[in-house]
Protein backbone atom coordinates (compact mmCIF):
# COMPACT_ATOMS: atom_id res chain seq x y z
CA MET A 1 -11.32 -42.22 7.97
CA THR A 2 -14.97 -42.18 9.06
CA ASN A 3 -16.88 -40.82 12.04
CA GLY A 4 -13.72 -39.44 13.60
CA THR A 5 -11.73 -42.66 13.33
CA LEU A 6 -8.65 -43.61 11.33
CA ASN A 7 -8.58 -46.34 8.71
CA PRO A 8 -5.36 -48.43 8.88
CA ALA A 9 -6.24 -50.00 5.51
CA SER A 10 -6.35 -46.66 3.73
CA LYS A 11 -3.60 -45.68 1.29
CA LEU A 12 -3.50 -42.33 3.10
CA PRO A 13 -0.85 -42.45 5.87
CA LEU A 14 -2.16 -42.44 9.43
CA TYR A 15 -0.47 -39.13 10.21
CA GLN A 16 -2.22 -37.48 7.24
CA GLN A 17 -5.58 -38.92 8.31
CA LEU A 18 -5.09 -37.64 11.85
CA TYR A 19 -3.94 -34.25 10.57
CA GLU A 20 -7.07 -33.84 8.42
CA LEU A 21 -9.32 -34.92 11.27
CA LEU A 22 -7.83 -32.48 13.79
CA GLU A 23 -7.61 -29.68 11.23
CA ALA A 24 -11.32 -30.12 10.45
CA ARG A 25 -12.22 -29.82 14.13
CA ILE A 26 -10.33 -26.52 14.30
CA ARG A 27 -11.55 -25.00 11.04
CA SER A 28 -15.16 -26.01 11.67
CA GLY A 29 -15.12 -24.19 14.99
CA GLU A 30 -15.68 -27.34 17.04
CA TRP A 31 -12.43 -26.42 18.76
CA LYS A 32 -12.48 -22.66 19.21
CA PRO A 33 -9.58 -20.19 19.58
CA GLY A 34 -8.12 -20.51 23.05
CA ASP A 35 -9.44 -24.06 23.60
CA MET A 36 -6.94 -26.61 24.86
CA ILE A 37 -6.96 -29.71 22.69
CA PRO A 38 -6.74 -33.22 24.21
CA PRO A 39 -3.26 -34.10 25.52
CA GLU A 40 -0.93 -36.34 23.54
CA THR A 41 -1.71 -39.39 25.71
CA GLU A 42 -5.43 -39.04 25.02
CA LEU A 43 -4.90 -38.62 21.27
CA ILE A 44 -2.65 -41.70 21.23
CA SER A 45 -5.29 -43.76 23.02
CA ARG A 46 -8.29 -42.41 21.13
CA TYR A 47 -6.85 -42.85 17.63
CA GLU A 48 -4.60 -45.83 18.35
CA VAL A 49 -1.48 -44.28 16.88
CA SER A 50 2.09 -43.82 18.10
CA ARG A 51 3.43 -40.88 20.02
CA ILE A 52 5.65 -40.09 17.02
CA THR A 53 2.58 -39.82 14.78
CA VAL A 54 0.75 -37.54 17.21
CA ARG A 55 3.74 -35.25 17.65
CA LYS A 56 4.28 -35.04 13.90
CA VAL A 57 0.67 -33.97 13.40
CA LEU A 58 0.81 -31.41 16.22
CA ASP A 59 4.05 -30.01 14.76
CA MET A 60 2.29 -29.62 11.39
CA LEU A 61 -0.65 -27.77 12.98
CA VAL A 62 1.70 -25.52 14.95
CA SER A 63 3.76 -24.71 11.84
CA GLU A 64 0.57 -23.72 10.01
CA GLY A 65 -0.45 -21.40 12.82
CA LEU A 66 -3.52 -23.42 13.84
CA LEU A 67 -2.13 -24.46 17.23
CA VAL A 68 0.18 -22.87 19.77
CA ARG A 69 2.10 -24.73 22.46
CA GLN A 70 2.42 -23.50 26.01
CA ARG A 71 5.23 -25.10 27.96
CA GLY A 72 3.94 -27.19 30.83
CA ARG A 73 0.29 -26.71 29.83
CA GLY A 74 -0.38 -28.24 26.43
CA SER A 75 -1.51 -27.25 22.94
CA PHE A 76 -4.18 -24.62 22.32
CA VAL A 77 -6.14 -23.52 19.27
CA ALA A 78 -4.52 -20.33 17.97
CA GLN A 79 -6.39 -17.07 17.82
CA ALA A 80 -7.74 -16.33 14.35
CA LYS A 81 -5.43 -14.17 12.28
CA LEU A 82 -6.65 -10.89 10.87
CA GLU A 83 -6.30 -10.50 7.12
CA HIS A 84 -4.88 -7.27 5.85
CA GLY A 85 -5.36 -6.17 2.26
CA THR A 86 -2.70 -4.16 0.45
CA THR A 87 -4.78 -2.62 -2.33
CA ARG A 88 -6.10 0.43 -0.46
CA ILE A 89 -5.12 2.69 2.43
CA VAL A 90 -7.06 1.74 5.55
CA SER A 91 -6.29 3.11 9.00
CA PHE A 92 -5.91 0.71 11.90
CA THR A 93 -8.98 2.23 13.58
CA ASP A 94 -11.18 1.78 10.51
CA ASP A 95 -9.79 -1.69 9.90
CA MET A 96 -10.66 -2.89 13.40
CA ARG A 97 -14.11 -1.28 13.33
CA GLN A 98 -14.91 -3.01 10.05
CA ARG A 99 -14.01 -6.36 11.66
CA GLY A 100 -16.32 -5.73 14.60
CA LEU A 101 -13.39 -5.28 16.98
CA THR A 102 -12.83 -2.41 19.38
CA PRO A 103 -9.66 -0.49 18.47
CA GLY A 104 -7.45 0.84 21.22
CA THR A 105 -4.34 2.99 21.36
CA ARG A 106 -1.63 3.59 23.91
CA ILE A 107 0.80 6.44 23.27
CA ILE A 108 4.40 5.35 23.69
CA PHE A 109 6.12 8.56 22.59
CA MET A 110 5.19 11.97 21.16
CA GLY A 111 7.56 14.78 20.29
CA LEU A 112 9.22 16.92 17.64
CA VAL A 113 12.35 15.41 16.13
CA PRO A 114 14.74 16.33 13.28
CA ALA A 115 14.35 14.18 10.18
CA PRO A 116 17.21 11.68 9.82
CA ARG A 117 18.59 11.35 6.33
CA PRO A 118 16.73 8.16 5.23
CA ILE A 119 13.34 9.52 6.31
CA ALA A 120 14.09 12.98 4.90
CA GLU A 121 14.90 11.43 1.53
CA ALA A 122 11.74 9.33 1.58
CA LEU A 123 9.64 12.44 2.35
CA SER A 124 11.58 14.65 -0.09
CA VAL A 125 12.50 17.18 2.61
CA ALA A 126 15.81 18.48 3.91
CA GLU A 127 17.69 16.47 6.48
CA GLY A 128 16.83 17.93 9.89
CA GLU A 129 13.33 19.06 8.84
CA GLU A 130 11.07 19.21 11.90
CA LEU A 131 8.89 16.10 12.15
CA ALA A 132 6.15 15.21 14.61
CA ARG A 133 6.92 11.70 15.81
CA ILE A 134 4.10 9.63 17.30
CA ASP A 135 4.75 6.08 18.51
CA ARG A 136 1.63 4.07 19.37
CA LEU A 137 0.75 0.60 20.54
CA ARG A 138 -2.41 -0.49 18.71
CA LEU A 139 -4.83 -2.97 20.24
CA ALA A 140 -7.90 -4.92 19.11
CA ASP A 141 -10.32 -5.87 21.89
CA GLY A 142 -7.48 -5.17 24.30
CA VAL A 143 -4.98 -7.47 22.57
CA PRO A 144 -1.72 -5.87 21.32
CA MET A 145 -1.64 -6.09 17.52
CA CYS A 146 1.07 -3.75 16.28
CA VAL A 147 3.41 -0.90 17.07
CA GLU A 148 3.28 2.15 14.79
CA GLU A 149 5.99 4.80 14.51
CA SER A 150 4.63 7.77 12.56
CA PHE A 151 6.77 10.65 11.29
CA LEU A 152 4.74 13.62 10.01
CA ILE A 153 6.06 16.80 8.38
CA HIS A 154 5.16 19.24 11.15
CA ARG A 155 4.76 22.35 9.01
CA TYR A 156 1.85 20.67 7.24
CA LEU A 157 0.19 19.76 10.56
CA PRO A 158 1.20 22.42 13.10
CA GLY A 159 0.05 21.58 16.60
CA ILE A 160 -0.81 17.97 15.74
CA LEU A 161 0.70 16.81 19.02
CA GLN A 162 -1.84 18.85 20.99
CA HIS A 163 -4.68 16.60 19.86
CA ASP A 164 -5.98 13.55 21.74
CA LEU A 165 -4.14 10.94 19.70
CA ALA A 166 -5.01 8.07 22.02
CA GLY A 167 -8.76 8.60 21.91
CA ASN A 168 -9.14 9.69 18.29
CA SER A 169 -8.10 8.45 14.86
CA LEU A 170 -4.99 10.24 13.59
CA ARG A 171 -6.33 9.92 10.06
CA GLU A 172 -9.61 11.59 11.06
CA ILE A 173 -7.75 14.40 12.85
CA LYS A 174 -5.62 15.05 9.76
CA GLN A 175 -8.69 15.36 7.60
CA ALA A 176 -10.96 17.31 9.98
CA SER A 177 -8.37 19.74 11.37
CA TYR A 178 -5.93 20.11 8.49
CA GLY A 179 -7.88 19.18 5.38
CA ILE A 180 -5.37 16.47 4.48
CA ARG A 181 -6.69 13.31 2.86
CA TRP A 182 -4.60 10.32 1.87
CA SER A 183 -4.59 9.75 -1.89
CA ARG A 184 -1.91 7.07 -2.32
CA ALA A 185 0.99 5.38 -0.59
CA ARG A 186 4.17 3.46 -1.33
CA GLN A 187 5.12 0.68 1.04
CA THR A 188 7.43 -2.26 1.49
CA ILE A 189 6.79 -5.34 3.61
CA GLN A 190 9.32 -7.75 5.05
CA ALA A 191 9.66 -10.30 7.83
CA VAL A 192 11.86 -9.26 10.77
CA PRO A 193 12.56 -10.66 14.24
CA ALA A 194 11.10 -8.72 17.17
CA ALA A 195 13.59 -6.57 19.05
CA ALA A 196 13.33 -6.76 22.83
CA GLU A 197 11.33 -3.55 23.33
CA ILE A 198 8.88 -4.25 20.49
CA ALA A 199 8.43 -7.80 21.82
CA ARG A 200 7.69 -6.46 25.30
CA LEU A 201 5.04 -4.07 23.96
CA LEU A 202 3.39 -6.78 21.86
CA SER A 203 3.54 -9.42 24.61
CA ILE A 204 5.56 -11.82 22.46
CA LYS A 205 9.00 -13.37 22.75
CA THR A 206 12.12 -11.51 21.66
CA GLY A 207 13.02 -12.72 18.19
CA ALA A 208 9.46 -13.75 17.33
CA PRO A 209 8.53 -13.06 13.69
CA LEU A 210 6.98 -9.72 12.77
CA LEU A 211 5.55 -8.29 9.57
CA TYR A 212 7.34 -4.98 9.14
CA PHE A 213 5.84 -2.24 6.96
CA GLU A 214 7.51 0.97 5.80
CA ARG A 215 5.07 3.35 4.15
CA VAL A 216 5.21 6.83 2.64
CA THR A 217 1.74 8.35 2.33
CA TYR A 218 0.78 11.21 0.04
CA SER A 219 -1.92 13.87 0.37
CA GLN A 220 -4.54 14.76 -2.22
CA ASP A 221 -1.99 17.27 -3.54
CA ALA A 222 0.48 14.45 -4.24
CA VAL A 223 2.77 15.70 -1.42
CA ALA A 224 4.51 13.19 0.85
CA VAL A 225 3.30 13.91 4.39
CA GLU A 226 3.90 10.83 6.53
CA TYR A 227 6.59 8.19 6.91
CA LEU A 228 5.21 5.24 8.82
CA LYS A 229 6.84 2.15 10.34
CA ILE A 230 4.52 -0.64 11.50
CA TYR A 231 5.45 -3.81 13.36
CA TYR A 232 2.61 -6.35 13.13
CA ARG A 233 2.46 -9.56 15.12
CA ALA A 234 2.91 -12.28 12.51
CA ASP A 235 0.89 -14.70 14.65
CA ARG A 236 -2.19 -12.47 14.37
CA TYR A 237 -1.96 -10.93 10.91
CA ILE A 238 -2.17 -12.22 7.34
CA ILE A 239 -1.41 -10.18 4.24
CA HIS A 240 -3.62 -10.85 1.23
CA ASN A 241 -3.76 -9.49 -2.30
CA GLU A 242 -6.20 -10.02 -5.12
CA LEU A 243 -4.28 -10.52 -8.35
CA VAL A 244 -5.72 -10.14 -11.81
CA GLY A 245 -4.34 -12.19 -14.69
CA GLY A 246 -3.75 -10.83 -18.16
CA ASP A 247 -1.91 -11.46 -21.38
CA ARG A 248 1.56 -10.01 -21.62
């Protein structure tokens, strides 16, 4: 495979050669996110391969999240996924700012609700304890990224719902107005299909894969204050960890 051509004499199968060639054009930035790649007929003609080979390669690129198909239009380079580390507590607002993106928030629901048993147990409070519930759609440069459902113990943050929670960081409000800083958190992560309402908010199909977080966050006094549910678009988010080896 040289100069963007395939080598039929190579021991590397033609589909693998074509895959590496197209992948390189995407990863190098020659084909940018949102660009439509050449149609199947053009790829077949340009690289002198079968339709089966081209479709196999496109399927591989789609499965790896490098391409997305749009029915009736063609294949497009996927938007770059945002990596999310799990070694420290970072708010969505701070996370987006650090990436050079403009964070946005749309309030879906705000109100006082009684703590259901599972959340009460996670927060170590009595069932029925008054919680401030805040549901928000979070955006990056105007693109829906995740839905957050936050349950805060209201007696620790009285009047929290009176603040501008769409225009300001909830984390910054907690610290500036209530003196509460996050010290640690416990969270679980799993893959779930998008329910119809979550899919509508995130502009994805019902049943599309989501990364679902459940997190209990503790104050500097080691008191559980917030129970958080987050539904991230799996097509835009990557979870990464840095692991350290050691003798056991």
